[in-house]
Amino acid sequence: TLLICQDAIGTKLTKADIAGLYPYKFEMCTTEKIEKVIKEKSTDYYYFQPTITLNKSMWVVDPSNGEILYFNYKMGGLHIKKDNIEDMVKIMKGKK
């Protein structure tokens, strides 16, 4: 299950948008839940971690071992968009 923190992706992308693009199980959650699965080194979840400054960096991380399953960097842009999720799905196929 991919954990996605609503606070981290902003308001431009909804749960319904993600469900229409991401064909695997995911859960919208709080930062605290992500912190908990990292602390517990859970094998039941991956988590999506965007970092947005003047550019965007996006990761999917396995909290059980810190393995980065997906990374993407985009010049410019302050929001996670549908095409970012589509790119992630293409790369994640076969990893989940």
Protein backbone atom coordinates (compact mmCIF):
# COMPACT_ATOMS: atom_id res chain seq x y z
CA THR A 1 0.00 0.00 0.00
CA LEU A 2 1.37 3.39 -0.99
CA LEU A 3 0.93 6.05 1.69
CA ILE A 4 0.36 9.57 0.38
CA CYS A 5 0.23 12.49 2.79
CA GLN A 6 -2.46 14.94 1.69
CA ASP A 7 -0.48 17.84 3.14
CA ALA A 8 2.53 16.90 1.00
CA ILE A 9 0.70 16.86 -2.34
CA GLY A 10 -1.34 20.02 -1.87
CA THR A 11 -4.83 20.77 -3.13
CA LYS A 12 -4.41 20.45 -6.91
CA LEU A 13 -4.64 16.64 -6.84
CA THR A 14 -7.53 14.78 -5.21
CA LYS A 15 -7.89 11.22 -3.95
CA ALA A 16 -10.22 10.57 -6.91
CA ASP A 17 -7.57 11.89 -9.32
CA ILE A 18 -4.98 9.53 -7.86
CA ALA A 19 -7.40 6.57 -7.90
CA GLY A 20 -7.98 7.18 -11.61
CA LEU A 21 -4.23 7.14 -12.31
CA TYR A 22 -2.61 4.83 -9.78
CA PRO A 23 -3.81 1.23 -10.31
CA TYR A 24 -2.47 -0.11 -7.00
CA LYS A 25 -3.67 0.15 -3.42
CA PHE A 26 -2.97 3.51 -1.77
CA GLU A 27 -4.05 5.41 1.31
CA MET A 28 -4.25 9.13 1.97
CA CYS A 29 -2.83 9.67 5.44
CA THR A 30 -1.22 12.03 7.90
CA THR A 31 2.46 12.78 8.30
CA GLU A 32 2.26 11.03 11.66
CA LYS A 33 1.25 7.73 10.03
CA ILE A 34 4.20 7.92 7.63
CA GLU A 35 6.52 8.69 10.55
CA LYS A 36 5.09 5.66 12.39
CA VAL A 37 5.65 3.21 9.50
CA ILE A 38 9.21 4.52 9.09
CA LYS A 39 9.91 4.09 12.79
CA GLU A 40 8.43 0.57 12.75
CA LYS A 41 10.25 -0.31 9.48
CA SER A 42 6.94 -1.59 8.15
CA THR A 43 6.95 -4.03 5.25
CA ASP A 44 3.26 -3.37 4.58
CA TYR A 45 3.70 0.10 3.08
CA TYR A 46 5.70 2.31 0.75
CA TYR A 47 5.42 6.06 1.06
CA PHE A 48 5.39 8.87 -1.47
CA GLN A 49 7.65 11.76 -0.50
CA PRO A 50 7.62 14.90 -2.62
CA THR A 51 9.97 17.81 -1.97
CA ILE A 52 8.95 21.05 -3.61
CA THR A 53 11.08 24.17 -3.72
CA LEU A 54 11.47 26.01 -7.02
CA ASN A 55 11.75 22.51 -8.49
CA LYS A 56 10.13 19.18 -7.59
CA SER A 57 11.76 15.99 -6.37
CA MET A 58 9.51 12.97 -5.82
CA TRP A 59 10.37 9.65 -4.21
CA VAL A 60 8.66 6.40 -3.29
CA VAL A 61 10.50 4.80 -0.40
CA ASP A 62 10.30 1.36 1.26
CA PRO A 63 10.29 2.18 5.00
CA SER A 64 11.49 -1.30 5.95
CA ASN A 65 14.92 -0.75 4.41
CA GLY A 66 15.08 2.79 2.99
CA GLU A 67 15.23 1.55 -0.61
CA ILE A 68 14.18 4.19 -3.10
CA LEU A 69 11.77 2.55 -5.53
CA TYR A 70 11.04 5.67 -7.55
CA PHE A 71 12.71 9.04 -7.99
CA ASN A 72 11.86 11.88 -10.32
CA TYR A 73 13.07 15.46 -10.56
CA LYS A 74 11.21 18.15 -12.46
CA MET A 75 12.45 21.64 -13.18
CA GLY A 76 9.91 24.17 -12.00
CA GLY A 77 6.47 23.51 -10.66
CA LEU A 78 5.08 23.91 -7.20
CA HIS A 79 2.38 21.23 -7.28
CA ILE A 80 2.13 17.49 -7.78
CA LYS A 81 0.15 16.97 -10.97
CA LYS A 82 -1.57 14.09 -12.73
CA ASP A 83 1.35 13.59 -15.13
CA ASN A 84 3.68 13.17 -12.12
CA ILE A 85 1.52 10.26 -10.90
CA GLU A 86 1.35 8.80 -14.43
CA ASP A 87 5.16 8.88 -14.65
CA MET A 88 5.41 7.18 -11.25
CA VAL A 89 3.02 4.39 -12.33
CA LYS A 90 5.10 3.66 -15.45
CA ILE A 91 8.27 3.26 -13.39
CA MET A 92 6.63 1.43 -10.48
CA LYS A 93 5.13 -1.32 -12.69
CA GLY A 94 6.72 -4.58 -11.66
CA LYS A 95 8.10 -3.21 -8.39
CA LYS A 96 4.92 -3.55 -6.36
